[in-house]
Each structure stands twice: as C-alpha cells, then as structure tokens.
Amino acid sequence: MTSTIILKTDSKLKQKAQQTAEELGLTLTSVINGYLSDFVETKKITFQTKKNIKQNTDPYGIFAGANITEDDIDSITKSWMKKIDAI
C-alpha cells in the first residue's frame, strides 16, 4: 500500500531535483522514498553543503567506479522498495 505526501518546496529546487534524479536514472519519488527509508532505519538526518558536493558527470552518480551494472542498481532500488513496503 502506498500513501501520498504533500509538501511545499521551491519550484526551482524541485525542477533541479527531478533533473538530477533523471540523470541518475531514478524518479524523484524513488529518491525521496530512499531518503525516508534511510531516515527510519538510521534515525539520522544527513545533509551536505554545496562546497562538499563534487560535480559528477558519471551516469551512475555515487556508484561511479564501483563496477555496478544497471541490474545492480535495479536490485538496490527493489530492495529499498521492499523495506518501504515493510514499514
């Protein structure tokens, strides 16, 4: 079962977040669900400042250089969704 969360955010931030997610092959919904799952599991909130974020042009984003295939990323995404469904 899924639920809808309605939140307010800056429209430019939303647009940039959607574009970034798309560049990584994700939807904004899957990114937010991943963050929510991590928040529940770790009970921690983690943010980076802009000066700590490196510009990355690799399509695998944080997985760059890790020899991870698209099937691996699909598997990770499915794993997140199972955890979310279990909550």
C-alpha atoms as a PDB file:
ATOM      1  CA  MET A   1       0.000   0.000   0.000  1.00  0.00           C
ATOM      2  CA  THR A   2       1.266   3.473  -0.772  1.00  0.00           C
ATOM      3  CA  SER A   3       0.451   6.877   0.657  1.00  0.00           C
ATOM      4  CA  THR A   4       0.785  10.349  -0.756  1.00  0.00           C
ATOM      5  CA  ILE A   5       2.876  13.019   0.947  1.00  0.00           C
ATOM      6  CA  ILE A   6       2.171  16.611   0.030  1.00  0.00           C
ATOM      7  CA  LEU A   7       4.954  19.058   0.763  1.00  0.00           C
ATOM      8  CA  LYS A   8       5.896  22.546  -0.281  1.00  0.00           C
ATOM      9  CA  THR A   9       9.282  23.272  -1.784  1.00  0.00           C
ATOM     10  CA  ASP A  10      10.833  25.865  -4.035  1.00  0.00           C
ATOM     11  CA  SER A  11       9.770  25.174  -7.637  1.00  0.00           C
ATOM     12  CA  LYS A  12      13.322  25.649  -8.954  1.00  0.00           C
ATOM     13  CA  LEU A  13      14.653  23.187  -6.364  1.00  0.00           C
ATOM     14  CA  LYS A  14      12.006  20.630  -7.351  1.00  0.00           C
ATOM     15  CA  GLN A  15      12.867  21.038 -11.028  1.00  0.00           C
ATOM     16  CA  LYS A  16      16.599  20.634 -10.356  1.00  0.00           C
ATOM     17  CA  ALA A  17      15.954  17.603  -8.125  1.00  0.00           C
ATOM     18  CA  GLN A  18      13.822  15.953 -10.814  1.00  0.00           C
ATOM     19  CA  GLN A  19      16.507  16.614 -13.422  1.00  0.00           C
ATOM     20  CA  THR A  20      19.250  15.237 -11.169  1.00  0.00           C
ATOM     21  CA  ALA A  21      17.228  12.117 -10.371  1.00  0.00           C
ATOM     22  CA  GLU A  22      16.574  11.599 -14.077  1.00  0.00           C
ATOM     23  CA  GLU A  23      20.288  11.937 -14.849  1.00  0.00           C
ATOM     24  CA  LEU A  24      20.896   9.131 -12.331  1.00  0.00           C
ATOM     25  CA  GLY A  25      18.162   7.001 -13.896  1.00  0.00           C
ATOM     26  CA  LEU A  26      15.791   7.480 -10.961  1.00  0.00           C
ATOM     27  CA  THR A  27      12.481   9.150 -10.271  1.00  0.00           C
ATOM     28  CA  LEU A  28      12.176  11.850  -7.648  1.00  0.00           C
ATOM     29  CA  THR A  29       9.723   9.569  -5.828  1.00  0.00           C
ATOM     30  CA  SER A  30      12.318   6.785  -5.586  1.00  0.00           C
ATOM     31  CA  VAL A  31      14.933   9.249  -4.290  1.00  0.00           C
ATOM     32  CA  ILE A  32      12.586  10.589  -1.604  1.00  0.00           C
ATOM     33  CA  ASN A  33      11.489   7.055  -0.648  1.00  0.00           C
ATOM     34  CA  GLY A  34      15.143   6.053  -0.339  1.00  0.00           C
ATOM     35  CA  TYR A  35      15.840   9.005   1.946  1.00  0.00           C
ATOM     36  CA  LEU A  36      12.761   8.249   4.061  1.00  0.00           C
ATOM     37  CA  SER A  37      13.741   4.595   4.364  1.00  0.00           C
ATOM     38  CA  ASP A  38      17.287   5.540   5.399  1.00  0.00           C
ATOM     39  CA  PHE A  39      15.928   8.099   7.898  1.00  0.00           C
ATOM     40  CA  VAL A  40      13.687   5.487   9.530  1.00  0.00           C
ATOM     41  CA  GLU A  41      16.408   2.843   9.575  1.00  0.00           C
ATOM     42  CA  THR A  42      19.268   5.005  10.874  1.00  0.00           C
ATOM     43  CA  LYS A  43      17.307   7.666  12.770  1.00  0.00           C
ATOM     44  CA  LYS A  44      19.746  10.206  11.329  1.00  0.00           C
ATOM     45  CA  ILE A  45      19.398  13.202   9.047  1.00  0.00           C
ATOM     46  CA  THR A  46      22.360  13.871   6.789  1.00  0.00           C
ATOM     47  CA  PHE A  47      22.822  16.917   4.587  1.00  0.00           C
ATOM     48  CA  GLN A  48      25.830  18.122   2.637  1.00  0.00           C
ATOM     49  CA  THR A  49      26.743  21.694   1.988  1.00  0.00           C
ATOM     50  CA  LYS A  50      27.381  22.761  -1.591  1.00  0.00           C
ATOM     51  CA  LYS A  51      31.110  23.045  -1.013  1.00  0.00           C
ATOM     52  CA  ASN A  52      31.207  19.342  -0.006  1.00  0.00           C
ATOM     53  CA  ILE A  53      29.424  18.158  -3.159  1.00  0.00           C
ATOM     54  CA  LYS A  54      31.622  17.172  -6.077  1.00  0.00           C
ATOM     55  CA  GLN A  55      30.392  17.671  -9.610  1.00  0.00           C
ATOM     56  CA  ASN A  56      29.879  14.204 -11.072  1.00  0.00           C
ATOM     57  CA  THR A  57      29.137  13.584 -14.733  1.00  0.00           C
ATOM     58  CA  ASP A  58      29.150   9.781 -14.419  1.00  0.00           C
ATOM     59  CA  PRO A  59      25.662   8.356 -15.068  1.00  0.00           C
ATOM     60  CA  TYR A  60      25.996   6.117 -12.020  1.00  0.00           C
ATOM     61  CA  GLY A  61      26.454   9.033  -9.614  1.00  0.00           C
ATOM     62  CA  ILE A  62      27.539   7.781  -6.199  1.00  0.00           C
ATOM     63  CA  PHE A  63      28.208   4.332  -7.668  1.00  0.00           C
ATOM     64  CA  ALA A  64      30.859   5.647 -10.078  1.00  0.00           C
ATOM     65  CA  GLY A  65      33.883   3.417 -10.393  1.00  0.00           C
ATOM     66  CA  ALA A  66      32.306   0.621  -8.377  1.00  0.00           C
ATOM     67  CA  ASN A  67      31.723  -1.711 -11.356  1.00  0.00           C
ATOM     68  CA  ILE A  68      27.993  -1.658 -10.673  1.00  0.00           C
ATOM     69  CA  THR A  69      25.659  -2.546 -13.521  1.00  0.00           C
ATOM     70  CA  GLU A  70      22.176  -1.235 -14.212  1.00  0.00           C
ATOM     71  CA  ASP A  71      20.858  -4.615 -12.976  1.00  0.00           C
ATOM     72  CA  ASP A  72      22.649  -3.983  -9.657  1.00  0.00           C
ATOM     73  CA  ILE A  73      21.028  -0.564  -9.373  1.00  0.00           C
ATOM     74  CA  ASP A  74      17.619  -2.094 -10.159  1.00  0.00           C
ATOM     75  CA  SER A  75      18.237  -4.676  -7.442  1.00  0.00           C
ATOM     76  CA  ILE A  76      19.156  -1.979  -4.914  1.00  0.00           C
ATOM     77  CA  THR A  77      16.058   0.033  -5.823  1.00  0.00           C
ATOM     78  CA  LYS A  78      13.837  -3.045  -5.417  1.00  0.00           C
ATOM     79  CA  SER A  79      15.475  -3.705  -2.035  1.00  0.00           C
ATOM     80  CA  TRP A  80      14.610  -0.164  -0.905  1.00  0.00           C
ATOM     81  CA  MET A  81      11.040  -0.607  -2.054  1.00  0.00           C
ATOM     82  CA  LYS A  82      10.707  -3.861  -0.063  1.00  0.00           C
ATOM     83  CA  LYS A  83      11.951  -2.061   3.049  1.00  0.00           C
ATOM     84  CA  ILE A  84       9.499   0.774   2.450  1.00  0.00           C
ATOM     85  CA  ASP A  85       6.624  -1.664   1.940  1.00  0.00           C
ATOM     86  CA  ALA A  86       7.543  -3.360   5.223  1.00  0.00           C
ATOM     87  CA  ILE A  87       7.182  -0.128   7.184  1.00  0.00           C
END
